[in-house]
Amino acid sequence: MLGIDSVYFLMFAGWRTEMVSNRWHYATRWARHLPVVLVQPDQITPRRAHLSEPDERIPNCEILSVRTTGDTTYA
């Protein structure tokens, strides 16, 4: 499939508690064929352990929390 081995989506804080978005729909579709990683920048709790965890709603999908750099940009 075009030499692609995985798909990454950059998410935003709070997306888990909001309505299903276009990114979620695309992630669901891609996960049928390839592993999907939802990259979750974390500015609110920067000292939290940044680990990969499965997304229970989407088979073949992981959530990867990463530490952001620079100043906080959230209000």
C-alpha atoms as a PDB file:
ATOM      1  CA  MET A   1       0.000   0.000   0.000  1.00  0.00           C
ATOM      2  CA  LEU A   2       2.220   2.824  -1.298  1.00  0.00           C
ATOM      3  CA  GLY A   3       5.116   1.801   0.961  1.00  0.00           C
ATOM      4  CA  ILE A   4       3.353   3.217   4.048  1.00  0.00           C
ATOM      5  CA  ASP A   5       3.943   1.300   7.282  1.00  0.00           C
ATOM      6  CA  SER A   6       1.982   3.460   9.757  1.00  0.00           C
ATOM      7  CA  VAL A   7      -0.079   6.648   9.997  1.00  0.00           C
ATOM      8  CA  TYR A   8       0.371   9.458  12.542  1.00  0.00           C
ATOM      9  CA  PHE A   9      -2.230  12.061  13.515  1.00  0.00           C
ATOM     10  CA  LEU A  10      -1.399  15.148  15.580  1.00  0.00           C
ATOM     11  CA  MET A  11      -4.152  15.684  18.148  1.00  0.00           C
ATOM     12  CA  PHE A  12      -4.899  18.523  20.581  1.00  0.00           C
ATOM     13  CA  ALA A  13      -5.534  18.586  24.324  1.00  0.00           C
ATOM     14  CA  GLY A  14      -9.066  17.648  25.302  1.00  0.00           C
ATOM     15  CA  TRP A  15      -9.956  15.780  22.113  1.00  0.00           C
ATOM     16  CA  ARG A  16     -10.892  12.640  24.063  1.00  0.00           C
ATOM     17  CA  THR A  17     -13.831  14.405  25.756  1.00  0.00           C
ATOM     18  CA  GLU A  18     -15.134  16.177  22.653  1.00  0.00           C
ATOM     19  CA  MET A  19     -17.417  14.958  19.901  1.00  0.00           C
ATOM     20  CA  VAL A  20     -15.965  12.615  17.311  1.00  0.00           C
ATOM     21  CA  SER A  21     -13.912  14.660  14.825  1.00  0.00           C
ATOM     22  CA  ASN A  22     -12.732  14.225  11.254  1.00  0.00           C
ATOM     23  CA  ARG A  23      -9.340  13.084  12.579  1.00  0.00           C
ATOM     24  CA  TRP A  24     -11.073  10.334  14.557  1.00  0.00           C
ATOM     25  CA  HIS A  25     -12.979   9.189  11.453  1.00  0.00           C
ATOM     26  CA  TYR A  26      -9.806   9.170   9.334  1.00  0.00           C
ATOM     27  CA  ALA A  27      -7.892   7.332  12.074  1.00  0.00           C
ATOM     28  CA  THR A  28     -10.634   4.688  12.198  1.00  0.00           C
ATOM     29  CA  ARG A  29     -10.483   4.203   8.435  1.00  0.00           C
ATOM     30  CA  TRP A  30      -6.674   4.023   8.260  1.00  0.00           C
ATOM     31  CA  ALA A  31      -6.533   1.621  11.242  1.00  0.00           C
ATOM     32  CA  ARG A  32      -8.372  -0.977   9.166  1.00  0.00           C
ATOM     33  CA  HIS A  33      -5.234  -1.280   7.014  1.00  0.00           C
ATOM     34  CA  LEU A  34      -2.256   0.092   8.990  1.00  0.00           C
ATOM     35  CA  PRO A  35      -1.195   0.837  12.562  1.00  0.00           C
ATOM     36  CA  VAL A  36      -2.294   4.339  13.612  1.00  0.00           C
ATOM     37  CA  VAL A  37      -0.608   6.562  16.204  1.00  0.00           C
ATOM     38  CA  LEU A  38      -2.466   9.539  17.679  1.00  0.00           C
ATOM     39  CA  VAL A  39       0.238  11.971  18.837  1.00  0.00           C
ATOM     40  CA  GLN A  40      -0.959  13.905  21.896  1.00  0.00           C
ATOM     41  CA  PRO A  41       1.212  16.916  22.886  1.00  0.00           C
ATOM     42  CA  ASP A  42       0.973  17.479  26.645  1.00  0.00           C
ATOM     43  CA  GLN A  43       1.416  21.038  27.914  1.00  0.00           C
ATOM     44  CA  ILE A  44      -0.997  20.819  30.822  1.00  0.00           C
ATOM     45  CA  THR A  45       0.843  18.087  32.766  1.00  0.00           C
ATOM     46  CA  PRO A  46       4.386  18.229  31.352  1.00  0.00           C
ATOM     47  CA  ARG A  47       5.895  16.126  34.162  1.00  0.00           C
ATOM     48  CA  ARG A  48       3.571  13.171  33.479  1.00  0.00           C
ATOM     49  CA  ALA A  49       5.142   9.986  32.168  1.00  0.00           C
ATOM     50  CA  HIS A  50       4.872  10.034  28.391  1.00  0.00           C
ATOM     51  CA  LEU A  51       3.918   6.557  27.292  1.00  0.00           C
ATOM     52  CA  SER A  52       2.056   4.895  24.475  1.00  0.00           C
ATOM     53  CA  GLU A  53      -1.334   3.412  25.329  1.00  0.00           C
ATOM     54  CA  PRO A  54      -3.962   1.653  23.208  1.00  0.00           C
ATOM     55  CA  ASP A  55      -7.069   3.593  22.226  1.00  0.00           C
ATOM     56  CA  GLU A  56      -9.958   1.365  23.310  1.00  0.00           C
ATOM     57  CA  ARG A  57     -12.310   2.893  20.714  1.00  0.00           C
ATOM     58  CA  ILE A  58     -10.131   2.218  17.661  1.00  0.00           C
ATOM     59  CA  PRO A  59      -8.564  -1.218  17.109  1.00  0.00           C
ATOM     60  CA  ASN A  60      -4.960  -1.086  15.781  1.00  0.00           C
ATOM     61  CA  CYS A  61      -4.491   2.413  17.235  1.00  0.00           C
ATOM     62  CA  GLU A  62      -2.157   3.787  19.931  1.00  0.00           C
ATOM     63  CA  ILE A  63      -2.099   7.162  21.708  1.00  0.00           C
ATOM     64  CA  LEU A  64       1.408   8.563  22.134  1.00  0.00           C
ATOM     65  CA  SER A  65       1.768  11.371  24.682  1.00  0.00           C
ATOM     66  CA  VAL A  66       4.756  13.615  24.021  1.00  0.00           C
ATOM     67  CA  ARG A  67       6.198  16.473  26.007  1.00  0.00           C
ATOM     68  CA  THR A  68       5.885  19.816  24.300  1.00  0.00           C
ATOM     69  CA  THR A  69       8.694  22.364  24.323  1.00  0.00           C
ATOM     70  CA  GLY A  70       8.593  26.108  24.790  1.00  0.00           C
ATOM     71  CA  ASP A  71       6.078  28.228  26.634  1.00  0.00           C
ATOM     72  CA  THR A  72       2.548  27.137  27.391  1.00  0.00           C
ATOM     73  CA  THR A  73       0.234  28.189  24.571  1.00  0.00           C
ATOM     74  CA  TYR A  74      -3.107  27.260  26.134  1.00  0.00           C
ATOM     75  CA  ALA A  75      -5.189  30.009  27.696  1.00  0.00           C
END
